[in-house]
Every structure is written in structure tokens, then in C-alpha cells.
Amino acid sequence: MFTFAKWLINAFPRAPKKSGVLMAVYFWWLDYFTPAGRAFASLFLLAMFAGAVPGFWAAWIFGGLDFLLFLGLVFSLFVTAKRSKIAVETVSVNRVREGETATVTAYVAVRSTIDCVTLGANRLPPSLTGIESDREKIRKGEPPRKMECHVRTTRRGSFMLTKVSANVPEIMGLLRWPYGFNGSVELLVYPRALKVQDFPFLTQGPSGMAFAPFLMPSLTRGMNFVGVREYREGDSLRDLHHKAFARYGKPFTKEFEVERGAGVILLLDTATPGFKSRQYLEHAIRIVAAVGEWLLEREILGRFFIDSEEIALSGGSESRKNLLDALARIPPASLAHGKQPSPWTPAARPMDPVLRVGLYEGEDSFVNKQIVVGTSIESSRDSLLVISPADCEKLESGTVVL
């Protein structure tokens, strides 16, 4: 119940899709006022309301002085800060897991000496929080200065940072002038990190016979020796490389050419047939990320699908990046409209075993095994694994045994 209430609260949008007048004023307030300036402006408004109290004349005196101060600040903003010549170049941001802090890197070039400049990311979605960089001084003639600010994340997703700017405060430190980057950069927030410790479900029962050869390469290996790698659970003891074991003090395994097909096919079904099932979509995405990385670590992930769209796996370390990038770009479950189930229609008939992860039990003849996140399914079949809401909470610990 707590999980459902938390998802329901997070599902409500907190920012309009189209910026109106009020949002434009709010953005102007954040862009051109420093925290100290916002405090002074708020005190001015408070003094105006306090002045409405009969006989409380002191509030009007404070409000008048504060108003005169801001007239001088606005003048100094356009006279001093606007004359500065600053260019923000080559903005980039690293990929992070949900809950981690991303680093935005930019190169700031100046034509005149700037005594105080900070880098910040503004106008962010509600699930992101910007943290400005420390103040720096950039002298005229020096090469572009590398500056970094940070963005704190709370949810998975793909976010466009459209307002990365170098901020120059005026002399009083209450107002500032933002010099924005001419463009945008995409911030990809990966699903929360889960690690598969053991995966007996994959080879369990008759339906697991199709997956067994991929996890026991000694049964289908070739004769050509390829190299040596670290020992992994399930490797045959007869393939241990004793010389490497004696030299490094930990087990290593001989690696041979494996005569087999492309590999295991991983399928994520993002359909949310019921209102209550939509809260489990993020859990299903995290499970797919953990299982996908587990398969990639063993080099047995052949193809990856999100619904009927195949995600290209480049091979090597790029495959993990392609998989997590695709998972990060999946839109969150909609509060008002659910995605209805549809048949899985890959462009080519799958020739290798298929592992499906979804929110309901599918009836596709191509699928060999299924992992379903839900509560209303009861089955003793060896091809179906149902993960309940209580199990989803346990998965947050970071280690998964499926």
C-alpha cells in the first residue's frame, strides 16, 4: 500500500507542459536573482503586507528603502554585468543511476576579466535539483576555463538540460546576469543499480533446457583456445588455468571458441493493462537492467527488445551502454492512460531462447520463460516467475536472486 501511494504521488505532474506567463516570471525570478536577492525581494513583499496593518508605519519605511535599493541594483545589473563578454562552450553531462548526482561540465571563455562567475543548470524538471559551482575568477586572455556544476537526481529517465549558464553577479551580489549555452544536452538517468547474485530460474525445469547450453559453455565449446579470463560461477573445473591461479592467487578459466547461436533474447514488455499494475513498471525496468547486465557479463545476451522494437547491441562495453540508454529513455507510466498489451512482433523470427519481463502473463509461443511483476497471478509452471510487491521491496537492497 505504501508503494502504491508513493508511486501515485510521484505520478502527478509538477510542471506544465507549456510555459505560460506565471512560469516565465518564475524562471526570470530564478535566473536573475541570487538567493540573497530573493530574500530581499521577499522581505519587500512582506513589508508591503505588514504596512496594511493600521498604525504599523515602520513597515512602509523599510519597504521604501528596500525598493530604492532594488532600483539601484537593476541599474547596476545592466551597466556592469551586461557589458561582460562570456561564451559557454562544449557542455557535457555524465550518465548516472537514479538517486546519484550528475556532473555537468562546460568550458567558459571570456573577453574581459571576470572577478566572479559560477556555472549552473537552471529550469530543470521537478525530479532534478541543480547545484551551482563555486565562484571562480577568469582573467582576460586565458584559455577557456573548465567549470563543473552538479544535478541531483531522484528518478530514472531522459532529461534535456536546456539552460546551462555562466552566472555573473552584480557588485552587490543580489542580482546576476546568466550567459546561457546555445543548445541543450541530454541527461540520462539509469535505473537503480541491482545485481543478480544467482539465477537458477533461467535453467529450471524443461523450459530451461534451451538456456542451459549458454550457461555451460563446456558442453558446446570449440577446440580453438582464445584466452584466459577470471573464473565465473558455473565454469567447469577442468578448464581452470593453473598457472594463472598460482601467479595471481585467484582462479582463472581457459576460454575457447563457443559453437552456438547468437545468444539469449531478452524482452521487456512495457504494457500496463491495469491501473494498479502501472506502479510496478519501474521495478520491471530495474529487473531487466540487472538481468541484462548479468547476461552481458557472461557474453550470452544476443538480442534485446523493448516491446517489438529491437535495441542494437554494438558488442563489448558498448552493449551495456546501449541497453541502459534504452531503458533510461522509456517514458514513465502514465497516471491517466495505460499502454494496452499487444502481440510481440519482432522483425525476424527468434531462433534462440526468449526471456520475457512484464507486468502480466503473456501468451506468446516464442517466449520460453517469463518474469512477471504483479500480485494476481498464481502458477506452478517452471516457465513463470511471479515477483510480488513484497519481493520488489527486497530487491531495493541491491542484490537479486531470481
Protein backbone atom coordinates (compact mmCIF):
# COMPACT_ATOMS: atom_id res chain seq x y z
CA MET A 1 0.00 0.00 0.00
CA PHE A 2 2.85 2.36 0.83
CA THR A 3 4.50 1.63 -2.54
CA PHE A 4 1.28 2.40 -4.41
CA ALA A 5 0.74 5.67 -2.50
CA LYS A 6 4.36 6.73 -3.18
CA TRP A 7 4.00 5.98 -6.91
CA LEU A 8 0.67 7.83 -7.05
CA ILE A 9 2.17 10.97 -5.50
CA ASN A 10 5.19 10.91 -7.83
CA ALA A 11 2.95 10.34 -10.87
CA PHE A 12 1.24 13.73 -10.58
CA PRO A 13 2.89 16.26 -12.90
CA ARG A 14 4.52 19.20 -11.13
CA ALA A 15 5.39 21.36 -14.12
CA PRO A 16 3.16 22.43 -17.05
CA LYS A 17 3.93 21.11 -20.49
CA LYS A 18 3.76 24.64 -21.89
CA SER A 19 5.33 27.58 -20.07
CA GLY A 20 2.83 30.38 -19.54
CA VAL A 21 3.20 33.85 -18.05
CA LEU A 22 3.49 32.61 -14.47
CA MET A 23 6.19 30.09 -15.39
CA ALA A 24 8.08 32.78 -17.34
CA VAL A 25 8.03 35.04 -14.27
CA TYR A 26 9.16 32.15 -12.08
CA PHE A 27 12.07 31.32 -14.42
CA TRP A 28 13.03 35.01 -14.55
CA TRP A 29 13.00 35.05 -10.73
CA LEU A 30 15.38 32.08 -10.57
CA ASP A 31 17.67 33.23 -13.39
CA TYR A 32 18.22 36.86 -12.44
CA PHE A 33 18.05 36.82 -8.62
CA THR A 34 20.66 35.32 -6.32
CA PRO A 35 19.48 33.63 -3.08
CA ALA A 36 20.27 36.86 -1.20
CA GLY A 37 18.32 38.89 -3.76
CA ARG A 38 15.30 36.63 -3.41
CA ALA A 39 15.42 37.12 0.34
CA PHE A 40 15.43 40.93 -0.06
CA ALA A 41 12.57 40.81 -2.56
CA SER A 42 10.53 38.57 -0.27
CA LEU A 43 11.12 40.94 2.66
CA PHE A 44 9.90 43.82 0.47
CA LEU A 45 6.64 42.00 -0.25
CA LEU A 46 6.31 41.10 3.42
CA ALA A 47 6.80 44.75 4.38
CA MET A 48 4.02 45.78 1.99
CA PHE A 49 1.57 43.35 3.59
CA ALA A 50 2.71 44.36 7.07
CA GLY A 51 2.13 48.01 6.16
CA ALA A 52 -1.55 47.27 5.72
CA VAL A 53 -1.83 46.85 9.48
CA PRO A 54 -3.21 50.12 10.94
CA GLY A 55 -0.56 52.10 12.80
CA PHE A 56 2.37 49.91 11.70
CA TRP A 57 4.22 52.68 9.83
CA ALA A 58 7.72 51.16 10.28
CA ALA A 59 7.00 48.52 7.63
CA TRP A 60 6.45 51.18 4.97
CA ILE A 61 9.78 52.83 5.80
CA PHE A 62 11.58 49.51 5.37
CA GLY A 63 9.63 48.76 2.18
CA GLY A 64 10.57 52.16 0.71
CA LEU A 65 14.26 51.75 1.47
CA ASP A 66 14.24 48.24 0.04
CA PHE A 67 12.53 49.48 -3.13
CA LEU A 68 15.14 52.22 -3.63
CA LEU A 69 17.88 49.64 -3.14
CA PHE A 70 16.44 47.45 -5.89
CA LEU A 71 16.18 50.38 -8.29
CA GLY A 72 19.93 50.83 -7.90
CA LEU A 73 20.53 47.09 -8.30
CA VAL A 74 18.61 46.86 -11.57
CA PHE A 75 20.60 49.81 -12.92
CA SER A 76 23.92 48.23 -11.88
CA LEU A 77 22.88 44.91 -13.46
CA PHE A 78 22.54 46.44 -16.92
CA VAL A 79 25.52 48.78 -16.56
CA THR A 80 28.09 46.27 -15.24
CA ALA A 81 27.14 42.62 -15.82
CA LYS A 82 25.69 43.13 -19.30
CA ARG A 83 28.97 44.58 -20.51
CA SER A 84 30.79 41.33 -19.76
CA LYS A 85 31.55 39.14 -22.77
CA ILE A 86 31.19 35.45 -21.87
CA ALA A 87 30.64 32.37 -24.01
CA VAL A 88 29.70 28.92 -22.70
CA GLU A 89 31.13 26.19 -24.93
CA THR A 90 31.16 22.39 -25.16
CA VAL A 91 28.68 21.34 -22.49
CA SER A 92 28.54 17.66 -21.50
CA VAL A 93 27.00 15.60 -18.70
CA ASN A 94 27.78 12.10 -17.48
CA ARG A 95 25.29 9.26 -17.12
CA VAL A 96 24.26 8.29 -13.57
CA ARG A 97 21.95 5.93 -11.70
CA GLU A 98 18.74 7.24 -10.17
CA GLY A 99 19.49 8.81 -6.81
CA GLU A 100 23.05 9.75 -7.80
CA THR A 101 24.43 13.19 -8.65
CA ALA A 102 25.40 14.01 -12.24
CA THR A 103 28.25 16.34 -13.17
CA VAL A 104 27.73 18.97 -15.87
CA THR A 105 30.98 20.09 -17.50
CA ALA A 106 31.34 23.25 -19.59
CA TYR A 107 34.15 25.44 -20.90
CA VAL A 108 33.70 29.16 -20.21
CA ALA A 109 35.57 31.70 -22.35
CA VAL A 110 35.75 35.44 -21.55
CA ARG A 111 36.91 38.55 -23.42
CA SER A 112 37.42 40.63 -20.29
CA THR A 113 38.48 39.70 -16.78
CA ILE A 114 35.56 38.42 -14.70
CA ASP A 115 36.07 38.55 -10.96
CA CYS A 116 33.21 36.22 -10.08
CA VAL A 117 31.42 33.64 -12.24
CA THR A 118 29.54 30.45 -11.41
CA LEU A 119 28.19 27.64 -13.58
CA GLY A 120 24.67 26.37 -13.02
CA ALA A 121 21.89 24.30 -14.62
CA ASN A 122 18.50 26.01 -14.32
CA ARG A 123 14.92 25.37 -15.47
CA LEU A 124 15.16 21.68 -14.56
CA PRO A 125 12.33 19.14 -14.34
CA PRO A 126 10.84 18.64 -10.85
CA SER A 127 12.77 15.42 -10.22
CA LEU A 128 16.14 17.19 -10.70
CA THR A 129 17.88 19.68 -8.41
CA GLY A 130 20.66 21.94 -9.66
CA ILE A 131 23.75 22.70 -7.57
CA GLU A 132 25.86 25.64 -8.75
CA SER A 133 29.63 25.53 -8.90
CA ASP A 134 31.95 27.51 -6.66
CA ARG A 135 32.80 31.11 -7.60
CA GLU A 136 35.81 31.49 -9.86
CA LYS A 137 37.81 34.35 -11.36
CA ILE A 138 38.67 34.16 -15.06
CA ARG A 139 41.27 36.52 -16.49
CA LYS A 140 41.23 38.03 -19.94
CA GLY A 141 43.33 36.12 -22.47
CA GLU A 142 43.47 32.77 -20.71
CA PRO A 143 42.12 29.67 -22.49
CA PRO A 144 38.52 28.59 -21.83
CA ARG A 145 38.13 27.59 -18.19
CA LYS A 146 36.70 24.17 -17.42
CA MET A 147 33.87 24.51 -14.89
CA GLU A 148 31.59 21.93 -13.29
CA CYS A 149 28.19 22.08 -11.64
CA HIS A 150 26.04 19.23 -10.39
CA VAL A 151 22.49 17.93 -10.80
CA ARG A 152 20.96 15.74 -8.10
CA THR A 153 18.58 13.06 -9.48
CA THR A 154 15.73 11.13 -7.89
CA ARG A 155 14.07 9.26 -10.78
CA ARG A 156 15.05 7.33 -13.90
CA GLY A 157 14.54 9.00 -17.24
CA SER A 158 15.85 11.08 -20.11
CA PHE A 159 16.04 14.82 -19.38
CA MET A 160 17.08 17.68 -21.65
CA LEU A 161 19.17 20.35 -19.92
CA THR A 162 18.21 23.47 -21.88
CA LYS A 163 19.53 26.16 -19.53
CA VAL A 164 23.21 25.64 -18.64
CA SER A 165 24.60 29.11 -18.00
CA ALA A 166 27.56 31.03 -16.60
CA ASN A 167 26.18 33.42 -13.99
CA VAL A 168 27.85 36.78 -13.29
CA PRO A 169 26.53 38.61 -10.19
CA GLU A 170 26.39 42.39 -9.98
CA ILE A 171 28.53 44.21 -7.47
CA MET A 172 26.03 43.98 -4.59
CA GLY A 173 25.57 40.23 -5.05
CA LEU A 174 21.77 40.36 -5.16
CA LEU A 175 21.16 40.20 -8.91
CA ARG A 176 23.04 38.40 -11.67
CA TRP A 177 23.20 38.01 -15.44
CA PRO A 178 23.05 34.44 -16.87
CA TYR A 179 25.02 33.71 -20.05
CA GLY A 180 23.38 30.57 -21.43
CA PHE A 181 24.72 27.80 -23.64
CA ASN A 182 23.31 27.96 -27.17
CA GLY A 183 21.88 24.43 -27.25
CA SER A 184 20.88 21.60 -24.96
CA VAL A 185 22.40 18.40 -23.61
CA GLU A 186 20.69 15.13 -22.67
CA LEU A 187 20.99 13.75 -19.16
CA LEU A 188 20.34 10.00 -18.99
CA VAL A 189 19.47 8.62 -15.55
CA TYR A 190 19.80 4.84 -15.49
CA PRO A 191 17.59 2.51 -13.40
CA ARG A 192 18.67 1.90 -9.83
CA ALA A 193 21.59 -0.48 -9.59
CA LEU A 194 20.59 -4.08 -8.81
CA LYS A 195 22.97 -7.02 -9.08
CA VAL A 196 21.94 -10.58 -9.91
CA GLN A 197 23.75 -12.88 -7.50
CA ASP A 198 22.18 -16.16 -8.62
CA PHE A 199 19.78 -17.00 -11.46
CA PRO A 200 18.58 -20.62 -11.08
CA PHE A 201 15.19 -19.78 -12.62
CA LEU A 202 16.76 -19.43 -16.06
CA THR A 203 17.69 -23.14 -16.30
CA GLN A 204 14.89 -24.51 -14.12
CA GLY A 205 12.66 -27.31 -15.45
CA PRO A 206 12.09 -28.43 -19.04
CA SER A 207 11.65 -24.84 -20.25
CA GLY A 208 15.17 -24.06 -19.06
CA MET A 209 16.84 -26.66 -21.25
CA ALA A 210 17.09 -24.11 -24.07
CA PHE A 211 19.10 -21.75 -21.82
CA ALA A 212 21.39 -24.39 -20.27
CA PRO A 213 23.94 -24.56 -23.13
CA PHE A 214 24.58 -20.83 -22.85
CA LEU A 215 25.41 -21.08 -19.15
CA MET A 216 27.54 -24.22 -19.55
CA PRO A 217 29.87 -23.41 -22.45
CA SER A 218 31.92 -26.55 -21.77
CA LEU A 219 29.10 -28.54 -23.38
CA THR A 220 29.27 -26.67 -26.68
CA ARG A 221 32.76 -25.22 -26.79
CA GLY A 222 35.04 -25.41 -29.77
CA MET A 223 38.61 -26.63 -29.93
CA ASN A 224 40.39 -23.31 -30.52
CA PHE A 225 41.89 -21.69 -27.41
CA VAL A 226 41.04 -17.95 -27.21
CA GLY A 227 42.50 -16.70 -23.91
CA VAL A 228 42.13 -16.58 -20.14
CA ARG A 229 39.52 -14.76 -18.06
CA GLU A 230 38.54 -14.65 -14.39
CA TYR A 231 36.56 -17.61 -13.05
CA ARG A 232 32.77 -17.27 -13.03
CA GLU A 233 30.25 -19.38 -11.20
CA GLY A 234 29.27 -22.39 -13.31
CA ASP A 235 32.60 -22.74 -15.14
CA SER A 236 33.94 -26.29 -15.43
CA LEU A 237 36.81 -27.13 -13.06
CA ARG A 238 38.65 -28.89 -15.87
CA ASP A 239 39.02 -25.51 -17.61
CA LEU A 240 40.93 -23.90 -14.73
CA HIS A 241 44.19 -22.27 -15.78
CA HIS A 242 46.54 -23.48 -13.05
CA LYS A 243 49.49 -21.27 -14.00
CA ALA A 244 47.40 -18.09 -13.77
CA PHE A 245 45.89 -19.35 -10.50
CA ALA A 246 49.34 -19.83 -8.99
CA ARG A 247 50.61 -16.48 -10.25
CA TYR A 248 47.72 -14.20 -9.20
CA GLY A 249 46.26 -16.15 -6.29
CA LYS A 250 42.72 -16.33 -7.70
CA PRO A 251 41.06 -18.71 -10.16
CA PHE A 252 41.14 -18.14 -13.90
CA THR A 253 39.35 -20.08 -16.65
CA LYS A 254 40.53 -21.05 -20.11
CA GLU A 255 38.30 -19.62 -22.80
CA PHE A 256 37.56 -21.43 -26.07
CA GLU A 257 35.55 -20.58 -29.12
CA VAL A 258 31.94 -21.41 -28.43
CA GLU A 259 29.95 -23.01 -31.20
CA ARG A 260 26.43 -21.74 -30.59
CA GLY A 261 23.86 -19.25 -31.81
CA ALA A 262 23.61 -15.52 -31.19
CA GLY A 263 22.63 -15.81 -27.51
CA VAL A 264 19.72 -15.32 -25.13
CA ILE A 265 16.98 -12.92 -26.26
CA LEU A 266 15.78 -10.52 -23.54
CA LEU A 267 12.34 -8.92 -23.96
CA LEU A 268 10.81 -6.11 -21.88
CA ASP A 269 7.06 -5.68 -22.26
CA THR A 270 6.12 -2.15 -21.07
CA ALA A 271 2.33 -2.64 -21.42
CA THR A 272 0.37 -1.63 -18.29
CA PRO A 273 -3.03 -3.29 -18.65
CA GLY A 274 -4.39 -2.21 -15.25
CA PHE A 275 -4.23 0.95 -13.17
CA LYS A 276 -2.63 -0.84 -10.24
CA SER A 277 0.00 -2.54 -12.39
CA ARG A 278 1.45 0.80 -13.53
CA GLN A 279 3.22 1.28 -10.22
CA TYR A 280 5.38 -1.80 -10.95
CA LEU A 281 6.80 -0.62 -14.29
CA GLU A 282 9.90 0.87 -12.66
CA HIS A 283 10.52 -2.42 -10.81
CA ALA A 284 10.31 -4.33 -14.10
CA ILE A 285 12.79 -1.93 -15.72
CA ARG A 286 15.25 -2.37 -12.84
CA ILE A 287 14.97 -6.15 -13.09
CA VAL A 288 15.65 -6.02 -16.85
CA ALA A 289 18.71 -3.83 -16.23
CA ALA A 290 20.05 -6.30 -13.65
CA VAL A 291 19.35 -9.38 -15.78
CA GLY A 292 20.70 -7.70 -18.91
CA GLU A 293 23.98 -6.80 -17.23
CA TRP A 294 24.21 -10.35 -15.83
CA LEU A 295 23.82 -11.80 -19.32
CA LEU A 296 26.29 -9.31 -20.82
CA GLU A 297 28.85 -10.16 -18.16
CA ARG A 298 28.70 -13.78 -19.35
CA GLU A 299 28.63 -12.68 -23.02
CA ILE A 300 25.41 -14.58 -23.72
CA LEU A 301 22.99 -11.71 -24.46
CA GLY A 302 22.30 -11.96 -28.17
CA ARG A 303 19.37 -9.59 -28.74
CA PHE A 304 17.38 -7.12 -26.65
CA PHE A 305 13.82 -5.92 -27.31
CA ILE A 306 11.61 -3.25 -25.74
CA ASP A 307 8.16 -4.36 -26.87
CA SER A 308 8.60 -5.04 -30.59
CA GLU A 309 11.50 -2.62 -31.08
CA GLU A 310 14.94 -4.19 -31.13
CA ILE A 311 17.77 -2.30 -29.46
CA ALA A 312 21.05 -2.70 -31.31
CA LEU A 313 23.87 -4.13 -29.20
CA SER A 314 27.22 -2.95 -30.53
CA GLY A 315 29.27 -5.56 -28.72
CA GLY A 316 31.81 -5.23 -25.94
CA SER A 317 31.40 -2.44 -23.41
CA GLU A 318 29.10 -0.52 -25.80
CA SER A 319 26.40 -3.18 -25.39
CA ARG A 320 25.90 -2.30 -21.72
CA LYS A 321 25.69 1.39 -22.61
CA ASN A 322 23.13 0.73 -25.38
CA LEU A 323 20.98 -1.39 -23.06
CA LEU A 324 20.94 1.11 -20.18
CA ASP A 325 20.46 4.09 -22.53
CA ALA A 326 17.36 2.45 -23.99
CA LEU A 327 15.96 1.69 -20.52
CA ALA A 328 16.55 5.28 -19.40
CA ARG A 329 14.57 6.63 -22.37
CA ILE A 330 11.42 4.59 -21.62
CA PRO A 331 8.65 7.06 -20.67
CA PRO A 332 7.30 6.65 -17.11
CA ALA A 333 3.92 5.03 -16.62
CA SER A 334 1.11 7.50 -17.25
CA LEU A 335 -1.35 8.19 -14.46
CA ALA A 336 -4.33 8.65 -16.78
CA HIS A 337 -3.62 6.33 -19.70
CA GLY A 338 -2.12 2.86 -19.66
CA LYS A 339 -0.36 1.16 -22.54
CA GLN A 340 -2.50 -1.75 -23.70
CA PRO A 341 -0.98 -5.19 -24.37
CA SER A 342 -0.18 -6.08 -27.95
CA PRO A 343 1.38 -9.16 -29.62
CA TRP A 344 5.16 -9.31 -29.77
CA THR A 345 6.06 -8.92 -33.44
CA PRO A 346 9.85 -9.00 -33.96
CA ALA A 347 11.12 -8.25 -37.45
CA ALA A 348 12.67 -11.74 -37.68
CA ARG A 349 11.53 -14.98 -36.08
CA PRO A 350 13.67 -15.62 -32.95
CA MET A 351 15.86 -18.69 -33.24
CA ASP A 352 17.26 -18.55 -29.69
CA PRO A 353 15.53 -18.83 -26.29
CA VAL A 354 13.50 -15.81 -25.17
CA LEU A 355 13.23 -14.44 -21.62
CA ARG A 356 10.34 -12.01 -21.17
CA VAL A 357 9.84 -9.50 -18.33
CA GLY A 358 6.48 -7.76 -17.98
CA LEU A 359 3.55 -6.81 -15.78
CA TYR A 360 1.18 -9.53 -16.96
CA GLU A 361 1.39 -13.12 -18.17
CA GLY A 362 1.91 -13.23 -21.92
CA GLU A 363 0.75 -15.97 -24.27
CA ASP A 364 3.39 -15.75 -26.97
CA SER A 365 4.61 -19.07 -28.34
CA PHE A 366 8.09 -17.63 -28.95
CA VAL A 367 8.69 -16.96 -25.24
CA ASN A 368 10.43 -19.72 -23.25
CA LYS A 369 10.43 -18.11 -19.80
CA GLN A 370 8.65 -15.16 -18.20
CA ILE A 371 9.23 -12.92 -15.17
CA VAL A 372 6.02 -11.13 -14.16
CA VAL A 373 5.84 -8.31 -11.62
CA GLY A 374 2.35 -8.46 -10.10
CA THR A 375 0.08 -9.94 -7.47
CA SER A 376 -2.87 -11.64 -9.19
CA ILE A 377 -1.02 -14.50 -10.90
CA GLU A 378 -0.76 -17.96 -9.39
CA SER A 379 1.06 -20.61 -11.38
CA SER A 380 3.32 -23.56 -10.65
CA ARG A 381 4.78 -23.71 -14.16
CA ASP A 382 8.57 -23.77 -14.34
CA SER A 383 8.48 -21.17 -17.12
CA LEU A 384 6.83 -18.45 -14.99
CA LEU A 385 8.33 -16.49 -12.10
CA VAL A 386 5.99 -14.04 -10.31
CA ILE A 387 7.53 -11.27 -8.22
CA SER A 388 5.16 -9.83 -5.61
CA PRO A 389 5.22 -6.25 -4.22
CA ALA A 390 6.95 -7.57 -1.08
CA ASP A 391 9.68 -9.09 -3.26
CA CYS A 392 10.02 -5.77 -5.10
CA GLU A 393 10.81 -4.05 -1.81
CA LYS A 394 13.51 -6.65 -1.10
CA LEU A 395 15.08 -6.01 -4.48
CA GLU A 396 15.91 -2.45 -3.39
CA SER A 397 18.69 -3.89 -1.20
CA GLY A 398 20.83 -4.19 -4.31
CA THR A 399 21.24 -7.99 -4.69
CA VAL A 400 18.78 -10.12 -6.65
CA VAL A 401 18.34 -13.90 -6.50
CA LEU A 402 15.91 -14.98 -9.23
